Amino acid sequence: MDVVNRGFSGYTSRWVLPLMSDVLSASQPKPRILTILLGSNDSLLPAHPRHVPIDEFEANIRSMVTTVAELSPETKVILITPPSLGEKLYATWDKDAFRNHATVKAYADVVRSIASELSLPCADLWTAVETKTKEIGGEFDGYDSFSYDGGHFNAGGNDLLFEVLMQTIKQDLPELHRSSIPLVVPYHKEIDAAVADGKVINMSIAHSNALDACLL
């Protein structure tokens, strides 16, 4: 699958919503899966200029889902909750403390609620981080295993996101899991076997025009 990143650094749902039609432009191939991971920036406290009230955040996520259904009905949407915030680690980076654990949790709860109501797959990153950090503990309550500042992922956090996303696809969209999708080029062992038998193997790329995945 081709994975296309449409991430916008520091953006909130308020800023991403107007871009949804561009992401799903008629001039571009339609993705099989589109993931939406927003909420961490929306949940900045009201004193921060990027704060988005939770009711508006909920409306924005619902509007994004509706836009996908209208512009690309064949695309499957997976909502991803924002990861939990490690307050001790975050305090070492941001002395103004414009985020806290409880407010980020409230936005994660909204994402879970929307997914449940609309019968959409939900990759519950919040719960995954909370579970893992409690197992690890330590000076920063385990968050330093997944984040460099309490909120943004390091390599460990990215690995966890991948794991949670793959589990969600396997559970809720098994037909789109990597184990169910045929290869677009021959498997290397097929080539080895063909060469050993003196056969010619077709090396053309059997790829559709559709983008296979798009990350938001």
Protein backbone atom coordinates (compact mmCIF):
# COMPACT_ATOMS: atom_id res chain seq x y z
CA MET A 1 0.00 0.00 0.00
CA ASP A 2 1.09 3.55 -0.66
CA VAL A 3 0.90 5.64 2.49
CA VAL A 4 0.49 9.36 1.98
CA ASN A 5 1.05 11.67 4.93
CA ARG A 6 -1.23 14.68 5.03
CA GLY A 7 -0.13 15.84 8.44
CA PHE A 8 -0.09 19.56 9.21
CA SER A 9 2.27 20.54 12.02
CA GLY A 10 0.54 22.28 14.92
CA TYR A 11 -2.87 22.31 13.22
CA THR A 12 -6.18 21.95 14.99
CA SER A 13 -9.44 20.47 13.71
CA ARG A 14 -10.57 24.04 12.95
CA TRP A 15 -7.69 24.48 10.51
CA VAL A 16 -7.81 20.99 9.00
CA LEU A 17 -11.55 20.97 8.30
CA PRO A 18 -11.33 23.43 5.34
CA LEU A 19 -8.58 21.26 3.82
CA MET A 20 -10.61 18.05 3.71
CA SER A 21 -11.99 18.73 0.24
CA ASP A 22 -8.45 19.29 -1.04
CA VAL A 23 -7.23 16.06 0.53
CA LEU A 24 -10.06 14.24 -1.26
CA SER A 25 -9.89 16.28 -4.45
CA ALA A 26 -11.46 14.76 -7.55
CA SER A 27 -8.10 15.18 -9.28
CA GLN A 28 -6.43 12.79 -6.84
CA PRO A 29 -6.90 9.03 -6.45
CA LYS A 30 -9.22 8.11 -3.59
CA PRO A 31 -7.69 6.37 -0.57
CA ARG A 32 -8.92 3.01 0.67
CA ILE A 33 -8.34 4.08 4.26
CA LEU A 34 -8.14 7.56 5.74
CA THR A 35 -7.06 8.01 9.34
CA ILE A 36 -7.84 11.12 11.35
CA LEU A 37 -5.66 11.88 14.36
CA LEU A 38 -6.53 15.25 15.87
CA GLY A 39 -7.23 16.63 19.32
CA SER A 40 -3.89 17.27 20.99
CA ASN A 41 -3.67 20.84 19.69
CA ASP A 42 -7.41 21.47 20.05
CA SER A 43 -7.10 20.58 23.73
CA LEU A 44 -4.62 23.36 24.46
CA LEU A 45 -6.04 25.42 27.31
CA PRO A 46 -8.22 28.48 26.51
CA ALA A 47 -5.35 30.88 27.15
CA HIS A 48 -3.57 29.46 24.09
CA PRO A 49 -4.54 30.89 20.66
CA ARG A 50 -4.92 27.40 19.17
CA HIS A 51 -7.48 26.25 21.73
CA VAL A 52 -10.64 24.83 20.13
CA PRO A 53 -13.65 24.38 22.46
CA ILE A 54 -14.58 20.74 22.84
CA ASP A 55 -18.05 21.19 21.30
CA GLU A 56 -16.51 22.74 18.20
CA PHE A 57 -13.91 19.97 18.07
CA GLU A 58 -16.67 17.36 18.09
CA ALA A 59 -18.55 19.18 15.33
CA ASN A 60 -15.38 19.44 13.25
CA ILE A 61 -14.61 15.72 13.47
CA ARG A 62 -18.20 14.88 12.54
CA SER A 63 -17.98 17.24 9.57
CA MET A 64 -14.77 15.57 8.39
CA VAL A 65 -16.42 12.16 8.49
CA THR A 66 -19.39 13.53 6.57
CA THR A 67 -17.10 15.13 3.98
CA VAL A 68 -15.32 11.82 3.38
CA ALA A 69 -18.66 10.01 2.98
CA GLU A 70 -19.80 12.60 0.43
CA LEU A 71 -16.61 12.98 -1.61
CA SER A 72 -15.20 9.46 -1.36
CA PRO A 73 -17.85 6.99 -0.13
CA GLU A 74 -15.56 4.04 -0.84
CA THR A 75 -12.97 5.33 1.65
CA LYS A 76 -12.96 3.78 5.11
CA VAL A 77 -12.35 6.21 7.97
CA ILE A 78 -10.43 5.27 11.11
CA LEU A 79 -10.54 7.75 13.97
CA ILE A 80 -7.46 7.81 16.20
CA THR A 81 -7.64 9.24 19.69
CA PRO A 82 -4.94 11.71 20.71
CA PRO A 83 -2.32 10.08 22.93
CA SER A 84 -2.36 10.75 26.65
CA LEU A 85 -0.14 13.50 28.01
CA GLY A 86 2.75 12.83 30.38
CA GLU A 87 2.53 15.90 32.59
CA LYS A 88 5.87 15.44 34.41
CA LEU A 89 7.78 15.14 31.13
CA TYR A 90 5.74 17.90 29.50
CA ALA A 91 6.58 20.29 32.36
CA THR A 92 10.29 19.95 31.55
CA TRP A 93 9.60 21.31 28.04
CA ASP A 94 6.74 23.77 28.45
CA LYS A 95 6.91 25.89 31.56
CA ASP A 96 3.59 27.59 30.68
CA ALA A 97 1.80 24.22 30.82
CA PHE A 98 -0.79 24.92 28.14
CA ARG A 99 -1.87 21.27 28.22
CA ASN A 100 -2.81 18.87 30.95
CA HIS A 101 -3.70 15.21 31.18
CA ALA A 102 -7.38 15.73 32.00
CA THR A 103 -8.14 18.08 29.12
CA VAL A 104 -6.47 15.89 26.51
CA LYS A 105 -8.42 12.92 27.89
CA ALA A 106 -11.70 14.79 27.36
CA TYR A 107 -10.91 15.23 23.67
CA ALA A 108 -9.89 11.58 23.36
CA ASP A 109 -13.22 10.62 24.92
CA VAL A 110 -15.03 12.65 22.26
CA VAL A 111 -13.23 10.77 19.48
CA ARG A 112 -14.16 7.41 21.02
CA SER A 113 -17.77 8.53 21.41
CA ILE A 114 -18.07 9.65 17.77
CA ALA A 115 -16.53 6.41 16.52
CA SER A 116 -18.93 4.36 18.63
CA GLU A 117 -22.00 6.35 17.55
CA LEU A 118 -21.12 6.25 13.85
CA SER A 119 -19.84 2.64 13.93
CA LEU A 120 -16.39 3.69 12.80
CA PRO A 121 -13.14 1.91 13.66
CA CYS A 122 -11.30 3.66 16.48
CA ALA A 123 -7.59 3.23 17.12
CA ASP A 124 -7.52 4.03 20.82
CA LEU A 125 -4.06 5.50 21.14
CA TRP A 126 -4.95 7.16 24.46
CA THR A 127 -5.67 3.85 26.17
CA ALA A 128 -2.66 2.16 24.59
CA VAL A 129 -0.27 4.81 25.94
CA GLU A 130 -1.94 4.81 29.35
CA THR A 131 -1.68 1.03 29.60
CA LYS A 132 1.96 0.87 28.51
CA THR A 133 3.15 3.72 30.71
CA LYS A 134 1.58 2.19 33.81
CA GLU A 135 3.54 -0.99 33.12
CA ILE A 136 6.83 0.93 32.82
CA GLY A 137 6.69 3.64 35.50
CA GLY A 138 9.85 5.51 36.45
CA GLU A 139 10.77 9.16 36.87
CA PHE A 140 8.41 10.32 34.11
CA ASP A 141 5.75 7.66 34.72
CA GLY A 142 6.81 5.73 31.61
CA TYR A 143 5.93 8.47 29.11
CA ASP A 144 9.56 8.98 28.15
CA SER A 145 9.44 5.54 26.50
CA PHE A 146 6.96 6.90 23.97
CA SER A 147 7.49 10.65 23.88
CA TYR A 148 10.34 13.11 24.05
CA ASP A 149 8.26 15.91 25.61
CA GLY A 150 5.21 14.21 27.09
CA GLY A 151 3.00 14.80 24.05
CA HIS A 152 4.95 14.29 20.81
CA PHE A 153 6.02 10.77 19.97
CA ASN A 154 9.57 9.50 19.78
CA ALA A 155 10.45 6.24 17.96
CA GLY A 156 8.78 4.15 20.68
CA GLY A 157 5.57 6.14 20.37
CA ASN A 158 5.54 5.82 16.60
CA ASP A 159 5.99 2.06 16.92
CA LEU A 160 3.04 1.96 19.33
CA LEU A 161 0.87 4.00 16.96
CA PHE A 162 1.69 1.58 14.14
CA GLU A 163 0.86 -1.39 16.35
CA VAL A 164 -2.49 0.06 17.46
CA LEU A 165 -3.43 1.06 13.91
CA MET A 166 -2.59 -2.36 12.48
CA GLN A 167 -4.60 -4.06 15.23
CA THR A 168 -7.57 -1.84 14.46
CA ILE A 169 -7.40 -2.57 10.73
CA LYS A 170 -7.09 -6.30 11.36
CA GLN A 171 -10.08 -6.26 13.72
CA ASP A 172 -12.43 -3.85 11.92
CA LEU A 173 -11.27 -3.84 8.30
CA PRO A 174 -9.73 -7.28 7.83
CA GLU A 175 -10.14 -7.12 4.06
CA LEU A 176 -7.70 -4.19 4.06
CA HIS A 177 -5.18 -5.69 6.47
CA ARG A 178 -1.75 -6.28 4.97
CA SER A 179 -2.20 -10.05 5.28
CA SER A 180 -5.24 -9.88 2.96
CA ILE A 181 -3.87 -7.64 0.23
CA PRO A 182 -2.08 -9.20 -2.76
CA LEU A 183 1.38 -7.95 -3.62
CA VAL A 184 1.67 -5.53 -6.54
CA VAL A 185 5.02 -7.01 -7.60
CA PRO A 186 6.14 -10.65 -7.46
CA TYR A 187 7.34 -11.98 -4.11
CA HIS A 188 11.12 -12.40 -4.11
CA LYS A 189 10.88 -16.14 -3.48
CA GLU A 190 8.72 -16.49 -6.60
CA ILE A 191 11.47 -14.78 -8.59
CA ASP A 192 14.10 -17.07 -7.06
CA ALA A 193 12.06 -20.14 -7.96
CA ALA A 194 11.44 -18.91 -11.50
CA VAL A 195 15.12 -18.20 -12.06
CA ALA A 196 16.05 -21.61 -10.70
CA ASP A 197 13.61 -23.25 -13.13
CA GLY A 198 14.77 -21.12 -16.05
CA LYS A 199 11.35 -19.48 -16.34
CA VAL A 200 10.49 -15.90 -17.23
CA ILE A 201 8.43 -14.01 -14.65
CA ASN A 202 6.25 -10.98 -15.35
CA MET A 203 7.82 -8.00 -13.56
CA SER A 204 5.09 -5.48 -14.37
CA ILE A 205 3.50 -3.59 -11.48
CA ALA A 206 -0.08 -4.75 -10.93
CA HIS A 207 -1.14 -1.57 -9.18
CA SER A 208 -4.46 0.24 -9.29
CA ASN A 209 -4.68 3.99 -9.80
CA ALA A 210 -6.07 4.42 -6.32
CA LEU A 211 -3.99 5.56 -3.40
CA ASP A 212 -4.13 2.81 -0.85
CA ALA A 213 -3.91 4.83 2.31
CA CYS A 214 -3.87 8.43 3.41
CA LEU A 215 -2.90 9.62 6.86
CA LEU A 216 -4.25 12.81 8.31
